[in-house]
Amino acid sequence: MTRARRIEIREVLIHLGGDEELLASLRGEGLFESDFVDPREADELRIAALMMEELGVNPAGVQVALHLRRRLLALEARVAAIASTLHQGEDDQ
């Protein structure tokens, strides 16, 4: 299994046009505490920046939204796995 490339969080912020204040606000909620992120975390940072800058969501709201997003993605993966198993069962009959 290949490890995903880790990206410096400041590079992601520069790309997003974010600043240290945005990062400090998110870190105050316990988010993005590492100086390096994987691609999935970089995407979450992009979403967090979008929610705060364009939608006016506060850092606590971002934390809740990201938690719910992670749960939704995990549930979607489980449903896809179950559907695949059921489909394979149909093929075996």
PDB file of N, CA and C in Angstrom:
ATOM      1  N   MET A   1       0.838  -1.178   0.000  1.00  0.00           N
ATOM      2  CA  MET A   1       0.000   0.000   0.000  1.00  0.00           C
ATOM      3  C   MET A   1       0.887   1.248   0.000  1.00  0.00           C
ATOM      4  N   THR A   2       0.576   2.204  -0.843  1.00  0.00           N
ATOM      5  CA  THR A   2       1.372   3.403  -0.985  1.00  0.00           C
ATOM      6  C   THR A   2       0.903   4.456   0.014  1.00  0.00           C
ATOM      7  N   ARG A   3       1.848   5.095   0.669  1.00  0.00           N
ATOM      8  CA  ARG A   3       1.505   6.182   1.588  1.00  0.00           C
ATOM      9  C   ARG A   3       1.218   7.441   0.792  1.00  0.00           C
ATOM     10  N   ALA A   4       0.188   8.151   1.195  1.00  0.00           N
ATOM     11  CA  ALA A   4      -0.146   9.408   0.537  1.00  0.00           C
ATOM     12  C   ALA A   4       0.912  10.453   0.882  1.00  0.00           C
ATOM     13  N   ARG A   5       1.219  11.286  -0.064  1.00  0.00           N
ATOM     14  CA  ARG A   5       2.208  12.342   0.150  1.00  0.00           C
ATOM     15  C   ARG A   5       1.673  13.348   1.155  1.00  0.00           C
ATOM     16  N   ARG A   6       2.489  13.711   2.103  1.00  0.00           N
ATOM     17  CA  ARG A   6       2.133  14.723   3.098  1.00  0.00           C
ATOM     18  C   ARG A   6       2.515  16.097   2.546  1.00  0.00           C
ATOM     19  N   ILE A   7       1.669  17.065   2.759  1.00  0.00           N
ATOM     20  CA  ILE A   7       1.848  18.406   2.231  1.00  0.00           C
ATOM     21  C   ILE A   7       1.935  19.368   3.410  1.00  0.00           C
ATOM     22  N   GLU A   8       2.828  20.333   3.329  1.00  0.00           N
ATOM     23  CA  GLU A   8       2.917  21.323   4.405  1.00  0.00           C
ATOM     24  C   GLU A   8       1.642  22.158   4.403  1.00  0.00           C
ATOM     25  N   ILE A   9       1.054  22.321   5.569  1.00  0.00           N
ATOM     26  CA  ILE A   9      -0.243  22.999   5.677  1.00  0.00           C
ATOM     27  C   ILE A   9      -0.159  24.445   5.190  1.00  0.00           C
ATOM     28  N   ARG A  10       0.980  25.081   5.367  1.00  0.00           N
ATOM     29  CA  ARG A  10       1.131  26.467   4.906  1.00  0.00           C
ATOM     30  C   ARG A  10       1.071  26.554   3.375  1.00  0.00           C
ATOM     31  N   GLU A  11       1.545  25.524   2.673  1.00  0.00           N
ATOM     32  CA  GLU A  11       1.439  25.485   1.209  1.00  0.00           C
ATOM     33  C   GLU A  11      -0.026  25.429   0.798  1.00  0.00           C
ATOM     34  N   VAL A  12      -0.802  24.639   1.512  1.00  0.00           N
ATOM     35  CA  VAL A  12      -2.234  24.525   1.212  1.00  0.00           C
ATOM     36  C   VAL A  12      -2.909  25.865   1.449  1.00  0.00           C
ATOM     37  N   LEU A  13      -2.577  26.520   2.555  1.00  0.00           N
ATOM     38  CA  LEU A  13      -3.171  27.831   2.852  1.00  0.00           C
ATOM     39  C   LEU A  13      -2.837  28.853   1.772  1.00  0.00           C
ATOM     40  N   ILE A  14      -1.596  28.847   1.311  1.00  0.00           N
ATOM     41  CA  ILE A  14      -1.202  29.785   0.248  1.00  0.00           C
ATOM     42  C   ILE A  14      -2.036  29.531  -1.006  1.00  0.00           C
ATOM     43  N   HIS A  15      -2.186  28.266  -1.348  1.00  0.00           N
ATOM     44  CA  HIS A  15      -2.976  27.894  -2.531  1.00  0.00           C
ATOM     45  C   HIS A  15      -4.435  28.334  -2.381  1.00  0.00           C
ATOM     46  N   LEU A  16      -4.966  28.244  -1.158  1.00  0.00           N
ATOM     47  CA  LEU A  16      -6.362  28.603  -0.908  1.00  0.00           C
ATOM     48  C   LEU A  16      -6.561  30.099  -0.720  1.00  0.00           C
ATOM     49  N   GLY A  17      -5.467  30.831  -0.564  1.00  0.00           N
ATOM     50  CA  GLY A  17      -5.592  32.260  -0.295  1.00  0.00           C
ATOM     51  C   GLY A  17      -5.945  32.530   1.151  1.00  0.00           C
ATOM     52  N   GLY A  18      -5.786  31.516   2.006  1.00  0.00           N
ATOM     53  CA  GLY A  18      -6.075  31.676   3.430  1.00  0.00           C
ATOM     54  C   GLY A  18      -4.905  32.310   4.148  1.00  0.00           C
ATOM     55  N   ASP A  19      -5.093  32.556   5.429  1.00  0.00           N
ATOM     56  CA  ASP A  19      -4.024  33.179   6.195  1.00  0.00           C
ATOM     57  C   ASP A  19      -3.827  32.469   7.529  1.00  0.00           C
ATOM     58  N   GLU A  20      -2.858  32.934   8.273  1.00  0.00           N
ATOM     59  CA  GLU A  20      -2.535  32.332   9.566  1.00  0.00           C
ATOM     60  C   GLU A  20      -3.701  32.484  10.555  1.00  0.00           C
ATOM     61  N   GLU A  21      -4.457  33.546  10.437  1.00  0.00           N
ATOM     62  CA  GLU A  21      -5.588  33.774  11.342  1.00  0.00           C
ATOM     63  C   GLU A  21      -6.649  32.684  11.166  1.00  0.00           C
ATOM     64  N   LEU A  22      -6.921  32.324   9.929  1.00  0.00           N
ATOM     65  CA  LEU A  22      -7.873  31.252   9.647  1.00  0.00           C
ATOM     66  C   LEU A  22      -7.393  29.944  10.266  1.00  0.00           C
ATOM     67  N   LEU A  23      -6.118  29.651  10.071  1.00  0.00           N
ATOM     68  CA  LEU A  23      -5.544  28.424  10.623  1.00  0.00           C
ATOM     69  C   LEU A  23      -5.586  28.454  12.149  1.00  0.00           C
ATOM     70  N   ALA A  24      -5.267  29.586  12.747  1.00  0.00           N
ATOM     71  CA  ALA A  24      -5.303  29.707  14.206  1.00  0.00           C
ATOM     72  C   ALA A  24      -6.714  29.476  14.735  1.00  0.00           C
ATOM     73  N   SER A  25      -7.712  29.998  14.044  1.00  0.00           N
ATOM     74  CA  SER A  25      -9.108  29.796  14.452  1.00  0.00           C
ATOM     75  C   SER A  25      -9.486  28.323  14.407  1.00  0.00           C
ATOM     76  N   LEU A  26      -9.086  27.639  13.341  1.00  0.00           N
ATOM     77  CA  LEU A  26      -9.401  26.214  13.206  1.00  0.00           C
ATOM     78  C   LEU A  26      -8.651  25.385  14.246  1.00  0.00           C
ATOM     79  N   ARG A  27      -7.401  25.746  14.489  1.00  0.00           N
ATOM     80  CA  ARG A  27      -6.624  25.019  15.492  1.00  0.00           C
ATOM     81  C   ARG A  27      -7.187  25.234  16.889  1.00  0.00           C
ATOM     82  N   GLY A  28      -7.821  26.369  17.117  1.00  0.00           N
ATOM     83  CA  GLY A  28      -8.482  26.621  18.395  1.00  0.00           C
ATOM     84  C   GLY A  28      -9.607  25.634  18.665  1.00  0.00           C
ATOM     85  N   GLU A  29     -10.144  25.047  17.613  1.00  0.00           N
ATOM     86  CA  GLU A  29     -11.197  24.031  17.732  1.00  0.00           C
ATOM     87  C   GLU A  29     -10.634  22.620  17.658  1.00  0.00           C
ATOM     88  N   GLY A  30      -9.294  22.511  17.642  1.00  0.00           N
ATOM     89  CA  GLY A  30      -8.670  21.192  17.603  1.00  0.00           C
ATOM     90  C   GLY A  30      -8.539  20.613  16.206  1.00  0.00           C
ATOM     91  N   LEU A  31      -8.676  21.438  15.193  1.00  0.00           N
ATOM     92  CA  LEU A  31      -8.568  20.985  13.805  1.00  0.00           C
ATOM     93  C   LEU A  31      -7.211  21.360  13.230  1.00  0.00           C
ATOM     94  N   PHE A  32      -6.688  20.522  12.345  1.00  0.00           N
ATOM     95  CA  PHE A  32      -5.475  20.807  11.576  1.00  0.00           C
ATOM     96  C   PHE A  32      -4.299  21.198  12.468  1.00  0.00           C
ATOM     97  N   GLU A  33      -4.071  20.419  13.515  1.00  0.00           N
ATOM     98  CA  GLU A  33      -3.010  20.729  14.462  1.00  0.00           C
ATOM     99  C   GLU A  33      -1.624  20.375  13.935  1.00  0.00           C
ATOM    100  N   SER A  34      -1.538  19.450  12.997  1.00  0.00           N
ATOM    101  CA  SER A  34      -0.254  19.054  12.425  1.00  0.00           C
ATOM    102  C   SER A  34       0.208  20.094  11.412  1.00  0.00           C
ATOM    103  N   ASP A  35       1.525  20.200  11.240  1.00  0.00           N
ATOM    104  CA  ASP A  35       2.059  21.115  10.230  1.00  0.00           C
ATOM    105  C   ASP A  35       2.034  20.510   8.837  1.00  0.00           C
ATOM    106  N   PHE A  36       1.720  19.214   8.746  1.00  0.00           N
ATOM    107  CA  PHE A  36       1.625  18.524   7.468  1.00  0.00           C
ATOM    108  C   PHE A  36       0.289  17.808   7.379  1.00  0.00           C
ATOM    109  N   VAL A  37      -0.287  17.771   6.180  1.00  0.00           N
ATOM    110  CA  VAL A  37      -1.580  17.119   5.971  1.00  0.00           C
ATOM    111  C   VAL A  37      -1.481  16.183   4.774  1.00  0.00           C
ATOM    112  N   ASP A  38      -2.346  15.158   4.775  1.00  0.00           N
ATOM    113  CA  ASP A  38      -2.431  14.297   3.606  1.00  0.00           C
ATOM    114  C   ASP A  38      -3.475  14.898   2.657  1.00  0.00           C
ATOM    115  N   PRO A  39      -3.618  14.360   1.465  1.00  0.00           N
ATOM    116  CA  PRO A  39      -4.568  14.944   0.502  1.00  0.00           C
ATOM    117  C   PRO A  39      -6.006  15.042   1.031  1.00  0.00           C
ATOM    118  N   ARG A  40      -6.452  14.051   1.804  1.00  0.00           N
ATOM    119  CA  ARG A  40      -7.809  14.103   2.361  1.00  0.00           C
ATOM    120  C   ARG A  40      -7.944  15.273   3.329  1.00  0.00           C
ATOM    121  N   GLU A  41      -6.943  15.479   4.172  1.00  0.00           N
ATOM    122  CA  GLU A  41      -6.971  16.599   5.118  1.00  0.00           C
ATOM    123  C   GLU A  41      -6.857  17.935   4.397  1.00  0.00           C
ATOM    124  N   ALA A  42      -6.076  17.977   3.314  1.00  0.00           N
ATOM    125  CA  ALA A  42      -5.961  19.205   2.526  1.00  0.00           C
ATOM    126  C   ALA A  42      -7.320  19.567   1.935  1.00  0.00           C
ATOM    127  N   ASP A  43      -8.075  18.567   1.497  1.00  0.00           N
ATOM    128  CA  ASP A  43      -9.412  18.823   0.969  1.00  0.00           C
ATOM    129  C   ASP A  43     -10.332  19.326   2.075  1.00  0.00           C
ATOM    130  N   GLU A  44     -10.193  18.763   3.279  1.00  0.00           N
ATOM    131  CA  GLU A  44     -10.997  19.248   4.402  1.00  0.00           C
ATOM    132  C   GLU A  44     -10.637  20.694   4.749  1.00  0.00           C
ATOM    133  N   LEU A  45      -9.360  21.033   4.662  1.00  0.00           N
ATOM    134  CA  LEU A  45      -8.945  22.420   4.909  1.00  0.00           C
ATOM    135  C   LEU A  45      -9.545  23.345   3.866  1.00  0.00           C
ATOM    136  N   ARG A  46      -9.587  22.883   2.620  1.00  0.00           N
ATOM    137  CA  ARG A  46     -10.215  23.676   1.555  1.00  0.00           C
ATOM    138  C   ARG A  46     -11.682  23.928   1.872  1.00  0.00           C
ATOM    139  N   ILE A  47     -12.377  22.878   2.303  1.00  0.00           N
ATOM    140  CA  ILE A  47     -13.791  22.998   2.646  1.00  0.00           C
ATOM    141  C   ILE A  47     -13.974  23.921   3.849  1.00  0.00           C
ATOM    142  N   ALA A  48     -13.110  23.769   4.851  1.00  0.00           N
ATOM    143  CA  ALA A  48     -13.190  24.611   6.044  1.00  0.00           C
ATOM    144  C   ALA A  48     -13.002  26.086   5.677  1.00  0.00           C
ATOM    145  N   ALA A  49     -12.007  26.375   4.844  1.00  0.00           N
ATOM    146  CA  ALA A  49     -11.756  27.754   4.434  1.00  0.00           C
ATOM    147  C   ALA A  49     -12.951  28.316   3.666  1.00  0.00           C
ATOM    148  N   LEU A  50     -13.517  27.517   2.783  1.00  0.00           N
ATOM    149  CA  LEU A  50     -14.685  27.937   2.021  1.00  0.00           C
ATOM    150  C   LEU A  50     -15.863  28.243   2.945  1.00  0.00           C
ATOM    151  N   MET A  51     -16.112  27.355   3.908  1.00  0.00           N
ATOM    152  CA  MET A  51     -17.237  27.565   4.826  1.00  0.00           C
ATOM    153  C   MET A  51     -17.046  28.838   5.650  1.00  0.00           C
ATOM    154  N   MET A  52     -15.822  29.075   6.111  1.00  0.00           N
ATOM    155  CA  MET A  52     -15.583  30.251   6.950  1.00  0.00           C
ATOM    156  C   MET A  52     -15.600  31.542   6.142  1.00  0.00           C
ATOM    157  N   GLU A  53     -14.917  31.546   5.000  1.00  0.00           N
ATOM    158  CA  GLU A  53     -14.759  32.785   4.246  1.00  0.00           C
ATOM    159  C   GLU A  53     -15.984  33.145   3.417  1.00  0.00           C
ATOM    160  N   GLU A  54     -16.620  32.154   2.812  1.00  0.00           N
ATOM    161  CA  GLU A  54     -17.736  32.463   1.912  1.00  0.00           C
ATOM    162  C   GLU A  54     -19.103  32.301   2.550  1.00  0.00           C
ATOM    163  N   LEU A  55     -19.195  31.439   3.552  1.00  0.00           N
ATOM    164  CA  LEU A  55     -20.498  31.195   4.163  1.00  0.00           C
ATOM    165  C   LEU A  55     -20.620  31.775   5.569  1.00  0.00           C
ATOM    166  N   GLY A  56     -19.498  32.238   6.124  1.00  0.00           N
ATOM    167  CA  GLY A  56     -19.532  32.853   7.446  1.00  0.00           C
ATOM    168  C   GLY A  56     -19.691  31.871   8.595  1.00  0.00           C
ATOM    169  N   VAL A  57     -19.357  30.601   8.370  1.00  0.00           N
ATOM    170  CA  VAL A  57     -19.460  29.593   9.420  1.00  0.00           C
ATOM    171  C   VAL A  57     -18.313  29.804  10.402  1.00  0.00           C
ATOM    172  N   ASN A  58     -18.609  29.736  11.704  1.00  0.00           N
ATOM    173  CA  ASN A  58     -17.547  29.907  12.694  1.00  0.00           C
ATOM    174  C   ASN A  58     -16.760  28.600  12.846  1.00  0.00           C
ATOM    175  N   PRO A  59     -15.587  28.646  13.471  1.00  0.00           N
ATOM    176  CA  PRO A  59     -14.745  27.447  13.591  1.00  0.00           C
ATOM    177  C   PRO A  59     -15.438  26.262  14.270  1.00  0.00           C
ATOM    178  N   ALA A  60     -16.259  26.519  15.266  1.00  0.00           N
ATOM    179  CA  ALA A  60     -16.987  25.421  15.916  1.00  0.00           C
ATOM    180  C   ALA A  60     -17.963  24.777  14.940  1.00  0.00           C
ATOM    181  N   GLY A  61     -18.604  25.581  14.117  1.00  0.00           N
ATOM    182  CA  GLY A  61     -19.512  25.048  13.104  1.00  0.00           C
ATOM    183  C   GLY A  61     -18.769  24.238  12.049  1.00  0.00           C
ATOM    184  N   VAL A  62     -17.584  24.686  11.696  1.00  0.00           N
ATOM    185  CA  VAL A  62     -16.752  23.947  10.744  1.00  0.00           C
ATOM    186  C   VAL A  62     -16.399  22.579  11.321  1.00  0.00           C
ATOM    187  N   GLN A  63     -16.050  22.554  12.604  1.00  0.00           N
ATOM    188  CA  GLN A  63     -15.701  21.286  13.255  1.00  0.00           C
ATOM    189  C   GLN A  63     -16.877  20.314  13.167  1.00  0.00           C
ATOM    190  N   VAL A  64     -18.064  20.767  13.466  1.00  0.00           N
ATOM    191  CA  VAL A  64     -19.253  19.910  13.400  1.00  0.00           C
ATOM    192  C   VAL A  64     -19.505  19.457  11.967  1.00  0.00           C
ATOM    193  N   ALA A  65     -19.427  20.380  11.020  1.00  0.00           N
ATOM    194  CA  ALA A  65     -19.687  20.040   9.619  1.00  0.00           C
ATOM    195  C   ALA A  65     -18.680  19.018   9.096  1.00  0.00           C
ATOM    196  N   LEU A  66     -17.407  19.181   9.441  1.00  0.00           N
ATOM    197  CA  LEU A  66     -16.398  18.223   8.981  1.00  0.00           C
ATOM    198  C   LEU A  66     -16.606  16.856   9.618  1.00  0.00           C
ATOM    199  N   HIS A  67     -16.994  16.837  10.890  1.00  0.00           N
ATOM    200  CA  HIS A  67     -17.280  15.562  11.554  1.00  0.00           C
ATOM    201  C   HIS A  67     -18.441  14.846  10.853  1.00  0.00           C
ATOM    202  N   LEU A  68     -19.499  15.578  10.567  1.00  0.00           N
ATOM    203  CA  LEU A  68     -20.652  14.983   9.882  1.00  0.00           C
ATOM    204  C   LEU A  68     -20.282  14.532   8.474  1.00  0.00           C
ATOM    205  N   ARG A  69     -19.434  15.297   7.785  1.00  0.00           N
ATOM    206  CA  ARG A  69     -18.987  14.914   6.441  1.00  0.00           C
ATOM    207  C   ARG A  69     -18.204  13.609   6.484  1.00  0.00           C
ATOM    208  N   ARG A  70     -17.302  13.487   7.472  1.00  0.00           N
ATOM    209  CA  ARG A  70     -16.522  12.245   7.600  1.00  0.00           C
ATOM    210  C   ARG A  70     -17.443  11.053   7.843  1.00  0.00           C
ATOM    211  N   ARG A  71     -18.442  11.242   8.700  1.00  0.00           N
ATOM    212  CA  ARG A  71     -19.388  10.153   8.979  1.00  0.00           C
ATOM    213  C   ARG A  71     -20.179   9.790   7.737  1.00  0.00           C
ATOM    214  N   LEU A  72     -20.609  10.788   6.978  1.00  0.00           N
ATOM    215  CA  LEU A  72     -21.359  10.540   5.747  1.00  0.00           C
ATOM    216  C   LEU A  72     -20.507   9.771   4.748  1.00  0.00           C
ATOM    217  N   LEU A  73     -19.254  10.177   4.575  1.00  0.00           N
ATOM    218  CA  LEU A  73     -18.369   9.476   3.645  1.00  0.00           C
ATOM    219  C   LEU A  73     -18.130   8.032   4.083  1.00  0.00           C
ATOM    220  N   ALA A  74     -17.976   7.813   5.387  1.00  0.00           N
ATOM    221  CA  ALA A  74     -17.785   6.446   5.895  1.00  0.00           C
ATOM    222  C   ALA A  74     -19.029   5.604   5.649  1.00  0.00           C
ATOM    223  N   LEU A  75     -20.204   6.180   5.871  1.00  0.00           N
ATOM    224  CA  LEU A  75     -21.449   5.446   5.621  1.00  0.00           C
ATOM    225  C   LEU A  75     -21.625   5.135   4.144  1.00  0.00           C
ATOM    226  N   GLU A  76     -21.280   6.077   3.283  1.00  0.00           N
ATOM    227  CA  GLU A  76     -21.365   5.835   1.843  1.00  0.00           C
ATOM    228  C   GLU A  76     -20.442   4.692   1.431  1.00  0.00           C
ATOM    229  N   ALA A  77     -19.252   4.645   2.008  1.00  0.00           N
ATOM    230  CA  ALA A  77     -18.313   3.564   1.695  1.00  0.00           C
ATOM    231  C   ALA A  77     -18.863   2.225   2.170  1.00  0.00           C
ATOM    232  N   ARG A  78     -19.480   2.208   3.351  1.00  0.00           N
ATOM    233  CA  ARG A  78     -20.068   0.963   3.870  1.00  0.00           C
ATOM    234  C   ARG A  78     -21.217   0.495   2.989  1.00  0.00           C
ATOM    235  N   VAL A  79     -22.070   1.413   2.568  1.00  0.00           N
ATOM    236  CA  VAL A  79     -23.197   1.053   1.696  1.00  0.00           C
ATOM    237  C   VAL A  79     -22.682   0.515   0.367  1.00  0.00           C
ATOM    238  N   ALA A  80     -21.653   1.149  -0.176  1.00  0.00           N
ATOM    239  CA  ALA A  80     -21.080   0.673  -1.440  1.00  0.00           C
ATOM    240  C   ALA A  80     -20.497  -0.729  -1.274  1.00  0.00           C
ATOM    241  N   ALA A  81     -19.840  -0.991  -0.142  1.00  0.00           N
ATOM    242  CA  ALA A  81     -19.268  -2.317   0.105  1.00  0.00           C
ATOM    243  C   ALA A  81     -20.372  -3.364   0.245  1.00  0.00           C
ATOM    244  N   ILE A  82     -21.441  -3.022   0.936  1.00  0.00           N
ATOM    245  CA  ILE A  82     -22.567  -3.947   1.100  1.00  0.00           C
ATOM    246  C   ILE A  82     -23.221  -4.217  -0.252  1.00  0.00           C
ATOM    247  N   ALA A  83     -23.412  -3.155  -1.037  1.00  0.00           N
ATOM    248  CA  ALA A  83     -24.015  -3.325  -2.357  1.00  0.00           C
ATOM    249  C   ALA A  83     -23.140  -4.210  -3.240  1.00  0.00           C
ATOM    250  N   SER A  84     -21.837  -4.043  -3.153  1.00  0.00           N
ATOM    251  CA  SER A  84     -20.919  -4.868  -3.931  1.00  0.00           C
ATOM    252  C   SER A  84     -21.010  -6.332  -3.509  1.00  0.00           C
ATOM    253  N   THR A  85     -21.074  -6.566  -2.206  1.00  0.00           N
ATOM    254  CA  THR A  85     -21.204  -7.934  -1.684  1.00  0.00           C
ATOM    255  C   THR A  85     -22.506  -8.565  -2.144  1.00  0.00           C
ATOM    256  N   LEU A  86     -23.583  -7.808  -2.076  1.00  0.00           N
ATOM    257  CA  LEU A  86     -24.880  -8.326  -2.524  1.00  0.00           C
ATOM    258  C   LEU A  86     -24.863  -8.624  -4.013  1.00  0.00           C
ATOM    259  N   HIS A  87     -24.241  -7.746  -4.779  1.00  0.00           N
ATOM    260  CA  HIS A  87     -24.155  -7.944  -6.220  1.00  0.00           C
ATOM    261  C   HIS A  87     -23.342  -9.198  -6.554  1.00  0.00           C
ATOM    262  N   GLN A  88     -22.251  -9.420  -5.826  1.00  0.00           N
ATOM    263  CA  GLN A  88     -21.435 -10.610  -6.048  1.00  0.00           C
ATOM    264  C   GLN A  88     -22.215 -11.867  -5.684  1.00  0.00           C
ATOM    265  N   GLY A  89     -23.048 -11.778  -4.644  1.00  0.00           N
ATOM    266  CA  GLY A  89     -23.889 -12.905  -4.256  1.00  0.00           C
ATOM    267  C   GLY A  89     -24.877 -13.278  -5.333  1.00  0.00           C
ATOM    268  N   GLU A  90     -25.410 -12.263  -6.013  1.00  0.00           N
ATOM    269  CA  GLU A  90     -26.345 -12.501  -7.120  1.00  0.00           C
ATOM    270  C   GLU A  90     -25.639 -13.188  -8.280  1.00  0.00           C
ATOM    271  N   ASP A  91     -24.403 -12.777  -8.539  1.00  0.00           N
ATOM    272  CA  ASP A  91     -23.638 -13.378  -9.632  1.00  0.00           C
ATOM    273  C   ASP A  91     -23.308 -14.853  -9.369  1.00  0.00           C
ATOM    274  N   ASP A  92     -23.146 -15.208  -8.109  1.00  0.00           N
ATOM    275  CA  ASP A  92     -22.796 -16.596  -7.746  1.00  0.00           C
ATOM    276  C   ASP A  92     -23.995 -17.544  -7.903  1.00  0.00           C
ATOM    277  N   GLN A  93     -25.196 -16.998  -7.954  1.00  0.00           N
ATOM    278  CA  GLN A  93     -26.374 -17.860  -8.017  1.00  0.00           C
ATOM    279  C   GLN A  93     -26.702 -18.240  -9.401  1.00  0.00           C
TER     280      GLN A  93
END
